[in-house]
N, C-alpha and C. Protein backbone atom coordinates (compact mmCIF):
# COMPACT_ATOMS: atom_id res chain seq x y z
N MET A 1 -39.20 75.28 -16.52
CA MET A 1 -39.22 75.14 -15.06
C MET A 1 -40.02 73.92 -14.65
N THR A 2 -41.14 73.75 -15.30
CA THR A 2 -42.01 72.60 -14.98
C THR A 2 -41.33 71.29 -15.35
N SER A 3 -40.66 71.27 -16.48
CA SER A 3 -39.96 70.04 -16.90
C SER A 3 -38.80 69.72 -15.96
N LEU A 4 -38.10 70.73 -15.45
CA LEU A 4 -37.01 70.50 -14.51
C LEU A 4 -37.53 69.94 -13.20
N PHE A 5 -38.70 70.43 -12.74
CA PHE A 5 -39.30 69.94 -11.50
C PHE A 5 -39.71 68.48 -11.63
N MET A 6 -40.18 68.12 -12.80
CA MET A 6 -40.61 66.73 -13.02
C MET A 6 -39.40 65.78 -13.03
N LYS A 7 -38.30 66.21 -13.60
CA LYS A 7 -37.10 65.39 -13.60
C LYS A 7 -36.57 65.20 -12.19
N MET A 8 -36.59 66.25 -11.36
CA MET A 8 -36.14 66.14 -9.98
C MET A 8 -37.07 65.24 -9.18
N HIS A 9 -38.38 65.30 -9.49
CA HIS A 9 -39.35 64.47 -8.78
C HIS A 9 -39.14 62.99 -9.11
N VAL A 10 -38.75 62.75 -10.32
CA VAL A 10 -38.50 61.35 -10.69
C VAL A 10 -37.25 60.83 -10.02
N ARG A 11 -36.23 61.68 -9.93
CA ARG A 11 -34.98 61.25 -9.29
C ARG A 11 -35.14 61.08 -7.78
N LEU A 12 -35.93 61.95 -7.14
CA LEU A 12 -36.00 61.96 -5.69
C LEU A 12 -37.13 61.10 -5.15
N ASP A 13 -37.87 60.41 -5.98
CA ASP A 13 -38.98 59.59 -5.49
C ASP A 13 -38.45 58.20 -5.09
N PRO A 14 -38.21 58.01 -3.78
CA PRO A 14 -37.63 56.72 -3.35
C PRO A 14 -38.61 55.57 -3.40
N SER A 15 -39.91 55.88 -3.24
CA SER A 15 -40.91 54.81 -3.23
C SER A 15 -40.97 54.08 -4.55
N LYS A 16 -40.82 54.84 -5.64
CA LYS A 16 -40.89 54.22 -6.96
C LYS A 16 -39.71 53.29 -7.19
N SER A 17 -38.53 53.70 -6.75
CA SER A 17 -37.35 52.86 -6.95
C SER A 17 -37.43 51.60 -6.09
N ARG A 18 -37.94 51.73 -4.86
CA ARG A 18 -38.04 50.56 -3.99
C ARG A 18 -39.06 49.57 -4.51
N SER A 19 -40.19 50.08 -4.97
CA SER A 19 -41.22 49.18 -5.48
C SER A 19 -40.75 48.46 -6.73
N SER A 20 -39.98 49.18 -7.55
CA SER A 20 -39.48 48.53 -8.76
C SER A 20 -38.46 47.44 -8.42
N GLN A 21 -37.66 47.67 -7.37
CA GLN A 21 -36.69 46.66 -6.95
C GLN A 21 -37.38 45.43 -6.40
N ARG A 22 -38.51 45.70 -5.63
CA ARG A 22 -39.24 44.57 -5.08
C ARG A 22 -39.89 43.73 -6.18
N SER A 23 -40.45 44.43 -7.16
CA SER A 23 -41.08 43.68 -8.26
C SER A 23 -40.05 42.88 -9.05
N GLN A 24 -38.88 43.45 -9.22
CA GLN A 24 -37.83 42.73 -9.93
C GLN A 24 -37.35 41.52 -9.14
N SER A 25 -37.30 41.69 -7.77
CA SER A 25 -36.85 40.58 -6.95
C SER A 25 -37.87 39.44 -6.96
N LYS A 26 -39.17 39.78 -7.04
CA LYS A 26 -40.19 38.74 -7.10
C LYS A 26 -40.16 38.02 -8.44
N GLN A 27 -39.90 38.76 -9.50
CA GLN A 27 -39.88 38.14 -10.81
C GLN A 27 -38.65 37.25 -10.99
N GLN A 28 -37.51 37.62 -10.40
CA GLN A 28 -36.27 36.86 -10.54
C GLN A 28 -35.84 36.32 -9.17
N PRO A 29 -36.20 35.09 -8.82
CA PRO A 29 -35.80 34.54 -7.51
C PRO A 29 -34.30 34.33 -7.45
N GLN A 30 -33.78 34.43 -6.23
CA GLN A 30 -32.34 34.29 -6.04
C GLN A 30 -31.94 32.82 -6.19
N LYS A 31 -30.77 32.62 -6.80
CA LYS A 31 -30.25 31.28 -7.01
C LYS A 31 -29.35 30.90 -5.84
N LEU A 32 -29.65 29.76 -5.19
CA LEU A 32 -28.82 29.28 -4.09
C LEU A 32 -27.64 28.48 -4.63
N ALA A 33 -26.56 28.50 -3.84
CA ALA A 33 -25.37 27.76 -4.25
C ALA A 33 -25.66 26.26 -4.20
N SER A 34 -25.37 25.59 -5.26
CA SER A 34 -25.65 24.15 -5.34
C SER A 34 -24.59 23.38 -4.56
N THR A 35 -25.05 22.40 -3.78
CA THR A 35 -24.13 21.56 -3.00
C THR A 35 -23.63 20.42 -3.86
N PRO A 36 -22.37 20.07 -3.76
CA PRO A 36 -21.84 18.97 -4.57
C PRO A 36 -22.44 17.63 -4.14
N THR A 37 -22.81 16.85 -5.10
CA THR A 37 -23.37 15.53 -4.81
C THR A 37 -22.24 14.53 -4.55
N VAL A 38 -22.43 13.70 -3.55
CA VAL A 38 -21.44 12.70 -3.16
C VAL A 38 -21.96 11.34 -3.61
N THR A 39 -21.21 10.70 -4.44
CA THR A 39 -21.60 9.36 -4.88
C THR A 39 -21.17 8.34 -3.86
N THR A 40 -22.02 7.40 -3.56
CA THR A 40 -21.74 6.37 -2.58
C THR A 40 -21.70 5.01 -3.25
N VAL A 41 -21.16 4.06 -2.54
CA VAL A 41 -21.05 2.70 -3.04
C VAL A 41 -22.24 1.90 -2.56
N ASP A 42 -22.98 1.32 -3.47
CA ASP A 42 -24.15 0.48 -3.16
C ASP A 42 -25.18 1.23 -2.32
N GLY A 43 -25.29 2.54 -2.54
CA GLY A 43 -26.29 3.31 -1.83
C GLY A 43 -26.02 3.51 -0.36
N LYS A 44 -24.79 3.29 0.09
CA LYS A 44 -24.44 3.45 1.49
C LYS A 44 -23.53 4.67 1.67
N TYR A 45 -23.61 5.26 2.86
CA TYR A 45 -22.75 6.40 3.16
C TYR A 45 -21.38 5.90 3.58
N TYR A 46 -20.38 6.73 3.36
CA TYR A 46 -19.03 6.39 3.79
C TYR A 46 -18.95 6.48 5.31
N PRO A 47 -18.19 5.60 5.96
CA PRO A 47 -18.08 5.67 7.43
C PRO A 47 -17.33 6.92 7.87
N ALA A 48 -17.65 7.39 9.07
CA ALA A 48 -17.00 8.59 9.59
C ALA A 48 -15.51 8.36 9.83
N GLU A 49 -15.14 7.14 10.22
CA GLU A 49 -13.75 6.80 10.44
C GLU A 49 -13.32 5.73 9.45
N ASP A 50 -12.02 5.71 9.20
CA ASP A 50 -11.49 4.73 8.26
C ASP A 50 -11.59 3.33 8.86
N ALA A 51 -12.41 2.51 8.27
CA ALA A 51 -12.58 1.13 8.74
C ALA A 51 -11.58 0.24 8.02
N PRO A 52 -10.94 -0.69 8.74
CA PRO A 52 -9.97 -1.59 8.07
C PRO A 52 -10.66 -2.46 7.06
N ALA A 53 -10.06 -2.51 5.89
CA ALA A 53 -10.63 -3.32 4.82
C ALA A 53 -10.38 -4.79 5.08
N LYS A 54 -11.35 -5.61 4.82
CA LYS A 54 -11.22 -7.05 5.01
C LYS A 54 -10.41 -7.65 3.87
N SER A 55 -9.41 -8.41 4.25
CA SER A 55 -8.56 -9.03 3.25
C SER A 55 -9.22 -10.32 2.76
N THR A 56 -9.27 -10.44 1.46
CA THR A 56 -9.87 -11.64 0.86
C THR A 56 -8.82 -12.68 0.49
N SER A 57 -7.54 -12.31 0.63
CA SER A 57 -6.49 -13.26 0.27
C SER A 57 -6.29 -14.28 1.39
N LYS A 58 -6.00 -15.48 1.02
CA LYS A 58 -5.76 -16.57 1.96
C LYS A 58 -4.28 -16.93 1.97
N THR A 59 -3.75 -17.07 3.17
CA THR A 59 -2.34 -17.42 3.31
C THR A 59 -2.16 -18.92 3.08
N VAL A 60 -1.36 -19.24 2.10
CA VAL A 60 -1.11 -20.63 1.78
C VAL A 60 0.33 -20.94 2.17
N ARG A 61 0.49 -21.91 3.06
CA ARG A 61 1.81 -22.28 3.52
C ARG A 61 2.35 -23.40 2.63
N ASN A 62 3.39 -23.08 1.91
CA ASN A 62 3.99 -24.07 1.04
C ASN A 62 4.82 -25.05 1.85
N PRO A 63 4.86 -26.30 1.43
CA PRO A 63 5.67 -27.28 2.17
C PRO A 63 7.15 -26.94 2.10
N THR A 64 7.85 -27.18 3.20
CA THR A 64 9.26 -26.87 3.27
C THR A 64 10.06 -27.80 2.36
N LYS A 65 10.94 -27.21 1.58
CA LYS A 65 11.80 -28.01 0.71
C LYS A 65 13.09 -28.35 1.45
N ILE A 66 13.33 -29.62 1.58
CA ILE A 66 14.53 -30.09 2.27
C ILE A 66 15.61 -30.39 1.24
N ARG A 67 16.83 -30.05 1.59
CA ARG A 67 17.95 -30.25 0.67
C ARG A 67 18.07 -31.70 0.25
N ALA A 68 18.52 -31.89 -0.98
CA ALA A 68 18.65 -33.25 -1.50
C ALA A 68 19.71 -34.04 -0.76
N SER A 69 20.65 -33.36 -0.11
CA SER A 69 21.72 -34.04 0.62
C SER A 69 21.25 -34.61 1.95
N ILE A 70 20.04 -34.20 2.41
CA ILE A 70 19.52 -34.68 3.69
C ILE A 70 18.48 -35.76 3.42
N THR A 71 18.79 -36.97 3.74
CA THR A 71 17.90 -38.11 3.59
C THR A 71 17.94 -38.95 4.86
N PRO A 72 16.97 -39.84 5.08
CA PRO A 72 17.04 -40.72 6.26
C PRO A 72 18.31 -41.54 6.26
N GLY A 73 19.05 -41.47 7.36
CA GLY A 73 20.32 -42.17 7.49
C GLY A 73 21.53 -41.28 7.33
N THR A 74 21.34 -40.03 6.95
CA THR A 74 22.47 -39.11 6.79
C THR A 74 22.98 -38.65 8.15
N ILE A 75 24.29 -38.62 8.32
CA ILE A 75 24.89 -38.09 9.55
C ILE A 75 24.93 -36.57 9.43
N LEU A 76 24.34 -35.89 10.40
CA LEU A 76 24.25 -34.43 10.40
C LEU A 76 25.08 -33.85 11.52
N ILE A 77 25.54 -32.61 11.32
CA ILE A 77 26.25 -31.86 12.36
C ILE A 77 25.34 -30.71 12.78
N LEU A 78 25.01 -30.64 14.06
CA LEU A 78 24.13 -29.59 14.58
C LEU A 78 24.92 -28.30 14.75
N LEU A 79 24.34 -27.18 14.30
CA LEU A 79 25.02 -25.89 14.36
C LEU A 79 24.43 -24.94 15.39
N ALA A 80 23.32 -25.29 16.00
CA ALA A 80 22.67 -24.40 16.97
C ALA A 80 22.01 -25.25 18.05
N GLY A 81 21.68 -24.59 19.17
CA GLY A 81 21.01 -25.27 20.25
C GLY A 81 21.99 -25.80 21.29
N ARG A 82 21.46 -26.47 22.27
CA ARG A 82 22.30 -26.96 23.39
C ARG A 82 23.22 -28.10 22.95
N PHE A 83 22.91 -28.73 21.81
CA PHE A 83 23.74 -29.84 21.33
C PHE A 83 24.57 -29.44 20.10
N ARG A 84 24.86 -28.15 19.94
CA ARG A 84 25.60 -27.72 18.76
C ARG A 84 27.01 -28.34 18.77
N GLY A 85 27.42 -28.74 17.59
CA GLY A 85 28.70 -29.41 17.45
C GLY A 85 28.60 -30.93 17.51
N LYS A 86 27.43 -31.45 17.93
CA LYS A 86 27.26 -32.89 18.02
C LYS A 86 26.85 -33.46 16.66
N ARG A 87 27.23 -34.71 16.43
CA ARG A 87 26.83 -35.43 15.22
C ARG A 87 25.64 -36.32 15.56
N VAL A 88 24.63 -36.29 14.70
CA VAL A 88 23.41 -37.05 14.94
C VAL A 88 23.02 -37.79 13.66
N ILE A 89 22.08 -38.70 13.79
CA ILE A 89 21.58 -39.48 12.66
C ILE A 89 20.20 -38.96 12.29
N CYS A 90 19.99 -38.62 11.04
CA CYS A 90 18.68 -38.18 10.57
C CYS A 90 17.80 -39.40 10.37
N LEU A 91 16.62 -39.39 11.00
CA LEU A 91 15.71 -40.54 10.90
C LEU A 91 14.62 -40.32 9.85
N LYS A 92 14.06 -39.12 9.81
CA LYS A 92 13.06 -38.81 8.78
C LYS A 92 12.74 -37.32 8.84
N ALA A 93 12.02 -36.84 7.83
CA ALA A 93 11.53 -35.46 7.78
C ALA A 93 10.06 -35.44 8.18
N LEU A 94 9.70 -34.52 9.07
CA LEU A 94 8.32 -34.41 9.55
C LEU A 94 7.51 -33.49 8.65
N GLU A 95 6.19 -33.46 8.87
CA GLU A 95 5.30 -32.66 8.03
C GLU A 95 5.57 -31.16 8.19
N SER A 96 6.05 -30.75 9.35
CA SER A 96 6.33 -29.33 9.59
C SER A 96 7.58 -28.85 8.88
N GLY A 97 8.36 -29.76 8.29
CA GLY A 97 9.61 -29.39 7.65
C GLY A 97 10.82 -29.59 8.54
N LEU A 98 10.60 -29.94 9.81
CA LEU A 98 11.70 -30.22 10.72
C LEU A 98 12.20 -31.64 10.54
N LEU A 99 13.38 -31.90 11.05
CA LEU A 99 14.01 -33.20 10.92
C LEU A 99 13.97 -33.92 12.26
N LEU A 100 13.66 -35.21 12.22
CA LEU A 100 13.72 -36.05 13.41
C LEU A 100 15.09 -36.69 13.47
N VAL A 101 15.84 -36.42 14.54
CA VAL A 101 17.21 -36.91 14.67
C VAL A 101 17.38 -37.56 16.03
N SER A 102 18.44 -38.34 16.13
CA SER A 102 18.84 -38.94 17.40
C SER A 102 20.33 -39.19 17.37
N GLY A 103 20.97 -39.21 18.56
CA GLY A 103 22.43 -39.31 18.67
C GLY A 103 23.10 -40.55 18.12
N PRO A 104 22.79 -41.73 18.55
CA PRO A 104 21.84 -42.15 19.58
C PRO A 104 22.20 -41.59 20.96
N TYR A 105 21.22 -41.67 21.87
CA TYR A 105 21.39 -41.07 23.18
C TYR A 105 22.52 -41.74 23.97
N GLN A 106 22.64 -43.04 23.88
CA GLN A 106 23.67 -43.73 24.65
C GLN A 106 25.07 -43.58 24.07
N VAL A 107 25.17 -42.94 22.90
CA VAL A 107 26.49 -42.71 22.30
C VAL A 107 27.00 -41.31 22.62
N ASN A 108 26.20 -40.28 22.33
CA ASN A 108 26.66 -38.90 22.55
C ASN A 108 25.68 -38.05 23.35
N GLY A 109 24.62 -38.65 23.88
CA GLY A 109 23.71 -37.90 24.76
C GLY A 109 22.66 -37.08 24.05
N VAL A 110 22.49 -37.22 22.74
CA VAL A 110 21.46 -36.46 22.01
C VAL A 110 20.21 -37.33 21.91
N PRO A 111 19.11 -36.92 22.53
CA PRO A 111 17.89 -37.73 22.48
C PRO A 111 17.11 -37.50 21.19
N LEU A 112 15.99 -38.15 21.08
CA LEU A 112 15.08 -37.90 19.95
C LEU A 112 14.59 -36.46 20.03
N ARG A 113 14.78 -35.73 18.95
CA ARG A 113 14.38 -34.33 18.95
C ARG A 113 14.19 -33.85 17.52
N ARG A 114 13.56 -32.68 17.40
CA ARG A 114 13.35 -32.06 16.09
C ARG A 114 14.36 -30.93 15.90
N VAL A 115 14.90 -30.81 14.72
CA VAL A 115 15.84 -29.73 14.40
C VAL A 115 15.46 -29.14 13.04
N SER A 116 15.83 -27.89 12.86
CA SER A 116 15.57 -27.23 11.58
C SER A 116 16.67 -27.59 10.59
N PRO A 117 16.30 -27.90 9.34
CA PRO A 117 17.34 -28.22 8.35
C PRO A 117 18.26 -27.05 8.02
N SER A 118 17.87 -25.84 8.42
CA SER A 118 18.71 -24.67 8.15
C SER A 118 19.91 -24.62 9.08
N TYR A 119 19.87 -25.35 10.19
CA TYR A 119 20.94 -25.28 11.18
C TYR A 119 21.68 -26.61 11.31
N VAL A 120 21.83 -27.31 10.21
CA VAL A 120 22.60 -28.55 10.21
C VAL A 120 23.50 -28.58 8.98
N ILE A 121 24.58 -29.34 9.09
CA ILE A 121 25.46 -29.61 7.95
C ILE A 121 25.31 -31.09 7.62
N ALA A 122 24.97 -31.36 6.38
CA ALA A 122 24.82 -32.75 5.94
C ALA A 122 26.19 -33.28 5.51
N THR A 123 26.61 -34.38 6.12
CA THR A 123 27.89 -34.99 5.77
C THR A 123 27.67 -36.03 4.66
N SER A 124 28.76 -36.52 4.15
CA SER A 124 28.69 -37.54 3.09
C SER A 124 28.51 -38.95 3.65
N THR A 125 28.54 -39.09 4.98
CA THR A 125 28.38 -40.40 5.62
C THR A 125 26.89 -40.72 5.75
N LYS A 126 26.49 -41.88 5.25
CA LYS A 126 25.10 -42.30 5.33
C LYS A 126 25.04 -43.76 5.72
N ILE A 127 24.00 -44.10 6.49
CA ILE A 127 23.79 -45.48 6.91
C ILE A 127 22.35 -45.86 6.60
N ASP A 128 22.07 -47.14 6.64
CA ASP A 128 20.73 -47.65 6.35
C ASP A 128 19.92 -47.72 7.66
N VAL A 129 18.86 -46.92 7.74
CA VAL A 129 18.02 -46.89 8.96
C VAL A 129 16.61 -47.39 8.64
N SER A 130 16.47 -48.18 7.59
CA SER A 130 15.14 -48.69 7.24
C SER A 130 14.61 -49.66 8.29
N SER A 131 15.51 -50.24 9.08
CA SER A 131 15.07 -51.19 10.13
C SER A 131 14.60 -50.48 11.39
N VAL A 132 14.78 -49.16 11.49
CA VAL A 132 14.37 -48.40 12.68
C VAL A 132 12.94 -47.92 12.47
N ASP A 133 12.03 -48.30 13.35
CA ASP A 133 10.62 -47.93 13.25
C ASP A 133 10.40 -46.56 13.90
N VAL A 134 10.11 -45.55 13.08
CA VAL A 134 9.86 -44.19 13.60
C VAL A 134 8.48 -43.70 13.14
N SER A 135 7.59 -44.62 12.84
CA SER A 135 6.26 -44.24 12.36
C SER A 135 5.41 -43.57 13.44
N ALA A 136 5.73 -43.82 14.71
CA ALA A 136 4.93 -43.26 15.81
C ALA A 136 5.33 -41.83 16.15
N PHE A 137 6.39 -41.32 15.54
CA PHE A 137 6.89 -39.99 15.89
C PHE A 137 6.44 -38.98 14.84
N ASP A 138 5.73 -37.95 15.31
CA ASP A 138 5.29 -36.85 14.46
C ASP A 138 5.39 -35.56 15.25
N ASP A 139 4.87 -34.47 14.69
CA ASP A 139 4.95 -33.17 15.38
C ASP A 139 4.12 -33.16 16.66
N LYS A 140 3.00 -33.87 16.68
CA LYS A 140 2.17 -33.89 17.88
C LYS A 140 2.88 -34.61 19.04
N TYR A 141 3.75 -35.51 18.71
CA TYR A 141 4.47 -36.26 19.75
C TYR A 141 5.35 -35.32 20.58
N PHE A 142 5.90 -34.27 19.95
CA PHE A 142 6.80 -33.35 20.63
C PHE A 142 6.09 -32.09 21.13
N ALA A 143 4.78 -31.97 20.91
CA ALA A 143 4.05 -30.78 21.35
C ALA A 143 3.94 -30.77 22.87
N ARG A 144 4.09 -29.59 23.47
CA ARG A 144 3.97 -29.46 24.91
C ARG A 144 2.51 -29.29 25.31
N SER A 145 2.16 -29.75 26.48
CA SER A 145 0.79 -29.63 26.97
C SER A 145 0.52 -28.18 27.39
N GLU A 146 -0.77 -27.79 27.39
CA GLU A 146 -1.14 -26.43 27.76
C GLU A 146 -0.84 -26.13 29.23
N GLU A 147 -0.91 -27.14 30.08
CA GLU A 147 -0.65 -26.92 31.50
C GLU A 147 0.80 -26.52 31.75
N SER A 148 1.73 -27.14 31.03
CA SER A 148 3.14 -26.79 31.22
C SER A 148 3.43 -25.39 30.72
N VAL A 149 2.76 -24.98 29.63
CA VAL A 149 2.97 -23.63 29.09
C VAL A 149 2.43 -22.58 30.05
N LYS A 150 1.23 -22.80 30.62
CA LYS A 150 0.66 -21.85 31.57
C LYS A 150 1.50 -21.77 32.84
N GLY A 151 2.04 -22.89 33.27
CA GLY A 151 2.87 -22.89 34.47
C GLY A 151 4.12 -22.05 34.29
N GLU A 152 4.73 -22.06 33.10
CA GLU A 152 5.92 -21.27 32.85
C GLU A 152 5.61 -19.78 32.83
N LEU A 153 4.40 -19.40 32.40
CA LEU A 153 4.05 -17.98 32.32
C LEU A 153 3.87 -17.36 33.69
N PHE A 154 3.36 -18.12 34.66
CA PHE A 154 3.02 -17.56 35.96
C PHE A 154 4.03 -17.89 37.05
N GLU A 155 5.04 -18.69 36.77
CA GLU A 155 6.00 -19.05 37.80
C GLU A 155 7.30 -18.26 37.71
N GLY A 156 7.34 -17.26 36.84
CA GLY A 156 8.53 -16.44 36.74
C GLY A 156 9.53 -16.99 35.74
N ASP A 157 10.75 -16.41 35.77
CA ASP A 157 11.78 -16.77 34.81
C ASP A 157 12.76 -17.82 35.34
N ALA A 158 12.49 -18.40 36.47
CA ALA A 158 13.42 -19.39 37.04
C ALA A 158 13.40 -20.65 36.18
N PRO A 159 14.57 -21.13 35.75
CA PRO A 159 14.60 -22.33 34.92
C PRO A 159 14.15 -23.56 35.70
N LYS A 160 13.40 -24.42 35.02
CA LYS A 160 12.91 -25.64 35.64
C LYS A 160 13.63 -26.84 35.04
N PRO A 161 13.93 -27.84 35.83
CA PRO A 161 14.56 -29.04 35.26
C PRO A 161 13.60 -29.77 34.33
N ALA A 162 14.14 -30.31 33.25
CA ALA A 162 13.32 -31.02 32.28
C ALA A 162 12.83 -32.33 32.88
N ILE A 163 11.53 -32.57 32.74
CA ILE A 163 10.93 -33.79 33.24
C ILE A 163 10.57 -34.66 32.04
N VAL A 164 11.22 -35.80 31.94
CA VAL A 164 10.99 -36.71 30.82
C VAL A 164 10.02 -37.79 31.28
N SER A 165 8.97 -37.99 30.51
CA SER A 165 7.97 -38.99 30.86
C SER A 165 8.53 -40.39 30.64
N GLU A 166 7.86 -41.34 31.27
CA GLU A 166 8.29 -42.73 31.13
C GLU A 166 8.11 -43.23 29.70
N LYS A 167 7.09 -42.73 29.03
CA LYS A 167 6.87 -43.13 27.63
C LYS A 167 8.01 -42.66 26.75
N ARG A 168 8.48 -41.45 26.98
CA ARG A 168 9.62 -40.93 26.21
C ARG A 168 10.87 -41.79 26.43
N LYS A 169 11.07 -42.20 27.68
CA LYS A 169 12.24 -43.01 27.98
C LYS A 169 12.18 -44.37 27.29
N GLU A 170 10.99 -44.96 27.28
CA GLU A 170 10.84 -46.26 26.63
C GLU A 170 11.01 -46.14 25.12
N ASP A 171 10.48 -45.06 24.54
CA ASP A 171 10.63 -44.85 23.10
C ASP A 171 12.10 -44.62 22.74
N GLN A 172 12.82 -43.90 23.60
CA GLN A 172 14.24 -43.64 23.34
C GLN A 172 15.05 -44.94 23.40
N LYS A 173 14.74 -45.79 24.34
CA LYS A 173 15.46 -47.06 24.44
C LYS A 173 15.20 -47.95 23.22
N ALA A 174 13.95 -47.94 22.73
CA ALA A 174 13.63 -48.77 21.57
C ALA A 174 14.35 -48.28 20.32
N VAL A 175 14.40 -46.97 20.13
CA VAL A 175 15.08 -46.41 18.96
C VAL A 175 16.59 -46.62 19.08
N ASP A 176 17.14 -46.42 20.26
CA ASP A 176 18.58 -46.61 20.45
C ASP A 176 19.00 -48.06 20.20
N ALA A 177 18.16 -49.00 20.64
CA ALA A 177 18.49 -50.42 20.44
C ALA A 177 18.57 -50.75 18.95
N ALA A 178 17.64 -50.18 18.17
CA ALA A 178 17.66 -50.44 16.72
C ALA A 178 18.82 -49.72 16.05
N LEU A 179 19.15 -48.50 16.51
CA LEU A 179 20.24 -47.75 15.90
C LEU A 179 21.60 -48.35 16.24
N MET A 180 21.76 -48.86 17.44
CA MET A 180 23.06 -49.42 17.83
C MET A 180 23.42 -50.65 17.02
N LYS A 181 22.41 -51.40 16.58
CA LYS A 181 22.70 -52.54 15.71
C LYS A 181 23.28 -52.08 14.38
N VAL A 182 22.76 -50.95 13.87
CA VAL A 182 23.27 -50.41 12.60
C VAL A 182 24.64 -49.77 12.81
N VAL A 183 24.79 -48.99 13.88
CA VAL A 183 26.06 -48.31 14.14
C VAL A 183 27.17 -49.33 14.41
N GLY A 184 26.85 -50.40 15.12
CA GLY A 184 27.87 -51.41 15.42
C GLY A 184 28.36 -52.15 14.18
N GLY A 185 27.59 -52.15 13.12
CA GLY A 185 28.00 -52.83 11.90
C GLY A 185 28.89 -52.01 11.00
N VAL A 186 29.16 -50.76 11.36
CA VAL A 186 30.02 -49.88 10.54
C VAL A 186 31.27 -49.57 11.36
N ASP A 187 32.42 -49.76 10.77
CA ASP A 187 33.68 -49.54 11.47
C ASP A 187 33.86 -48.06 11.82
N LEU A 188 34.27 -47.81 13.06
CA LEU A 188 34.62 -46.47 13.57
C LEU A 188 33.45 -45.48 13.56
N LEU A 189 32.24 -45.96 13.29
CA LEU A 189 31.11 -45.02 13.25
C LEU A 189 30.74 -44.54 14.65
N GLU A 190 30.84 -45.41 15.64
CA GLU A 190 30.50 -44.99 16.99
C GLU A 190 31.47 -43.93 17.49
N ALA A 191 32.75 -44.09 17.20
CA ALA A 191 33.73 -43.08 17.59
C ALA A 191 33.51 -41.78 16.82
N TYR A 192 33.08 -41.88 15.58
CA TYR A 192 32.79 -40.68 14.78
C TYR A 192 31.61 -39.91 15.35
N LEU A 193 30.58 -40.62 15.81
CA LEU A 193 29.42 -39.95 16.39
C LEU A 193 29.74 -39.34 17.76
N LYS A 194 30.68 -39.93 18.48
CA LYS A 194 31.07 -39.37 19.78
C LYS A 194 31.90 -38.11 19.64
N ALA A 195 32.68 -38.00 18.57
CA ALA A 195 33.57 -36.84 18.40
C ALA A 195 32.74 -35.58 18.13
N LYS A 196 33.12 -34.49 18.77
CA LYS A 196 32.42 -33.21 18.61
C LYS A 196 33.08 -32.39 17.51
N PHE A 197 32.25 -31.79 16.68
CA PHE A 197 32.76 -30.98 15.57
C PHE A 197 33.16 -29.60 16.08
N SER A 198 34.34 -29.14 15.65
CA SER A 198 34.82 -27.81 16.04
C SER A 198 35.75 -27.29 14.97
N LEU A 199 35.95 -26.00 14.98
CA LEU A 199 36.83 -25.33 14.03
C LEU A 199 37.84 -24.48 14.78
N THR A 200 39.01 -24.36 14.19
CA THR A 200 40.03 -23.45 14.72
C THR A 200 40.17 -22.27 13.77
N LYS A 201 40.96 -21.30 14.17
CA LYS A 201 41.08 -20.09 13.36
C LYS A 201 41.79 -20.33 12.04
N ASN A 202 42.53 -21.42 11.93
CA ASN A 202 43.24 -21.72 10.68
C ASN A 202 42.42 -22.62 9.74
N ASP A 203 41.28 -23.10 10.19
CA ASP A 203 40.45 -23.95 9.34
C ASP A 203 39.68 -23.12 8.31
N LYS A 204 39.42 -23.71 7.17
CA LYS A 204 38.67 -23.06 6.10
C LYS A 204 37.46 -23.92 5.76
N PRO A 205 36.29 -23.60 6.35
CA PRO A 205 35.11 -24.45 6.16
C PRO A 205 34.66 -24.55 4.71
N HIS A 206 34.87 -23.48 3.92
CA HIS A 206 34.40 -23.51 2.54
C HIS A 206 35.21 -24.46 1.68
N LYS A 207 36.35 -24.91 2.17
CA LYS A 207 37.16 -25.87 1.43
C LYS A 207 37.08 -27.29 1.99
N MET A 208 36.27 -27.46 3.02
CA MET A 208 36.14 -28.77 3.66
C MET A 208 35.11 -29.62 2.95
N VAL A 209 35.33 -30.91 2.98
CA VAL A 209 34.37 -31.89 2.47
C VAL A 209 33.91 -32.70 3.67
N PHE A 210 32.64 -32.54 4.04
CA PHE A 210 32.14 -33.19 5.24
C PHE A 210 31.67 -34.60 4.92
């Protein structure tokens, strides 16, 4: 009977079980969940938002390759623009890759202008233009002033008549005078430059020799 009472006393004594749990908790501290470590670049934190990466590559503009068939003195046929279908004389290639051409103006109305080599047909007719001085003409010569560009932005979409400066007119006359001496020395060349190029539905351009 005494032994049974002692066993019940051991089972029903809550203080002993609580104290033993407390002692065990003090001896064995609880382990906290470890946080994952984040590695950073150069000791810096990552930005909260995705920042655009700076590009270290440099854009290199390669010089435009002009077809071997296009040389100074080659008669070209314009395929685009307000003078499409007209025949012009190639004077030289500019640094931008564009071509400096002229009608001449007094023959077919095409003034000194720049055209893209992608929109011309090079013919087999060539003349000597070494006597024509075109050293003063470059890309800056044809650049528009900032005032004219701003005026077009704020004046609406109404077309404005082209205003040609007196310097442009004098330069055109000087170039035309030199070109007419060359054109006049070749038979039927002036009539050839006046004629406008056109195609009909029965023509086959891929079989033509210009």
